[in-house]
Amino acid sequence: QDSIPVTHIVDKTYFIYPNDEGAEGSTDAFANLHAAMLRKKVVAIGELLTRVTAIPRMVAIFPQAERLEEGGQVTPPGMIIVSLPYE
């Protein structure tokens, strides 16, 4: 996460997680990708299209590990998507 300077974050961020209702098998694929990214300590670069009519944005995709404390879950597992100032 230190590889992307905070000055390069130009838009809102998104938190994503799988949904098997929309795409069957997405939870397994997501969990495997998430675990591999955490294990290798890497950030993915991708393209985000929020709507069919929207302009695609280049994004950085950071895995977020689940964090548990005595009271329960503090942060859920998932991925954080950050828009980058590039096209």
Protein backbone atom coordinates (compact mmCIF):
# COMPACT_ATOMS: atom_id res chain seq x y z
CA GLN A 1 0.00 0.00 0.00
CA ASP A 2 2.97 2.28 0.42
CA SER A 3 3.62 1.97 -3.31
CA ILE A 4 0.77 4.39 -4.16
CA PRO A 5 1.39 7.93 -2.81
CA VAL A 6 -1.62 9.48 -1.08
CA THR A 7 -1.37 12.40 -3.54
CA HIS A 8 -2.29 9.98 -6.35
CA ILE A 9 -5.69 9.19 -4.81
CA VAL A 10 -7.97 11.40 -6.89
CA ASP A 11 -11.48 10.08 -6.26
CA LYS A 12 -13.51 8.16 -3.71
CA THR A 13 -12.48 4.64 -2.77
CA TYR A 14 -14.59 1.47 -2.98
CA PHE A 15 -14.72 -1.64 -0.80
CA ILE A 16 -15.51 -4.84 -2.69
CA TYR A 17 -16.40 -8.38 -1.65
CA PRO A 18 -17.84 -11.38 -3.52
CA ASN A 19 -21.50 -12.08 -4.18
CA ASP A 20 -22.42 -15.58 -5.34
CA GLU A 21 -25.95 -14.42 -6.18
CA GLY A 22 -24.65 -12.32 -9.07
CA ALA A 23 -21.94 -14.70 -10.27
CA GLU A 24 -21.79 -18.30 -9.07
CA GLY A 25 -18.34 -19.29 -7.84
CA SER A 26 -17.22 -15.70 -7.30
CA THR A 27 -16.64 -16.26 -3.58
CA ASP A 28 -14.08 -19.03 -4.21
CA ALA A 29 -12.28 -17.06 -6.92
CA PHE A 30 -12.26 -13.92 -4.78
CA ALA A 31 -11.01 -15.77 -1.68
CA ASN A 32 -8.14 -17.37 -3.62
CA LEU A 33 -7.09 -14.08 -5.23
CA HIS A 34 -7.41 -12.24 -1.90
CA ALA A 35 -5.30 -14.84 -0.06
CA ALA A 36 -2.61 -14.84 -2.78
CA MET A 37 -2.38 -11.04 -2.79
CA LEU A 38 -2.04 -10.95 1.00
CA ARG A 39 0.54 -13.75 1.01
CA LYS A 40 2.65 -12.13 -1.73
CA LYS A 41 2.09 -8.60 -0.38
CA VAL A 42 1.15 -7.21 -3.80
CA VAL A 43 -1.21 -4.57 -5.14
CA ALA A 44 -3.11 -5.12 -8.38
CA ILE A 45 -3.64 -2.48 -11.05
CA GLY A 46 -6.90 -2.68 -12.95
CA GLU A 47 -9.63 -0.81 -14.74
CA LEU A 48 -12.92 0.17 -13.10
CA LEU A 49 -16.15 0.74 -14.98
CA THR A 50 -18.90 1.71 -12.53
CA ARG A 51 -21.65 2.06 -15.14
CA VAL A 52 -22.04 1.08 -18.78
CA THR A 53 -21.92 4.75 -19.79
CA ALA A 54 -19.05 5.70 -17.46
CA ILE A 55 -15.49 6.37 -18.53
CA PRO A 56 -13.15 3.54 -17.39
CA ARG A 57 -10.71 4.53 -14.63
CA MET A 58 -7.32 3.04 -13.81
CA VAL A 59 -7.34 1.79 -10.22
CA ALA A 60 -5.11 0.21 -7.60
CA ILE A 61 -6.63 -2.80 -5.80
CA PHE A 62 -5.44 -3.42 -2.25
CA PRO A 63 -6.33 -6.59 -0.30
CA GLN A 64 -7.64 -5.91 3.20
CA ALA A 65 -7.11 -8.65 5.76
CA GLU A 66 -9.79 -9.52 8.29
CA ARG A 67 -9.00 -8.22 11.74
CA LEU A 68 -10.60 -9.77 14.81
CA GLU A 69 -10.54 -8.64 18.42
CA GLU A 70 -12.26 -9.93 21.54
CA GLY A 71 -15.48 -8.09 20.75
CA GLY A 72 -15.64 -9.54 17.23
CA GLN A 73 -14.68 -8.44 13.76
CA VAL A 74 -12.95 -5.05 13.51
CA THR A 75 -12.32 -4.98 9.75
CA PRO A 76 -13.85 -7.39 7.23
CA PRO A 77 -11.83 -9.19 4.55
CA GLY A 78 -12.16 -7.67 1.12
CA MET A 79 -10.43 -5.36 -1.33
CA ILE A 80 -10.14 -1.61 -1.43
CA ILE A 81 -10.23 0.06 -4.85
CA VAL A 82 -8.50 3.43 -5.27
CA SER A 83 -8.81 5.51 -8.45
CA LEU A 84 -5.50 6.64 -9.91
CA PRO A 85 -4.82 9.86 -11.85
CA TYR A 86 -4.02 7.99 -15.08
CA GLU A 87 -6.05 7.00 -18.12
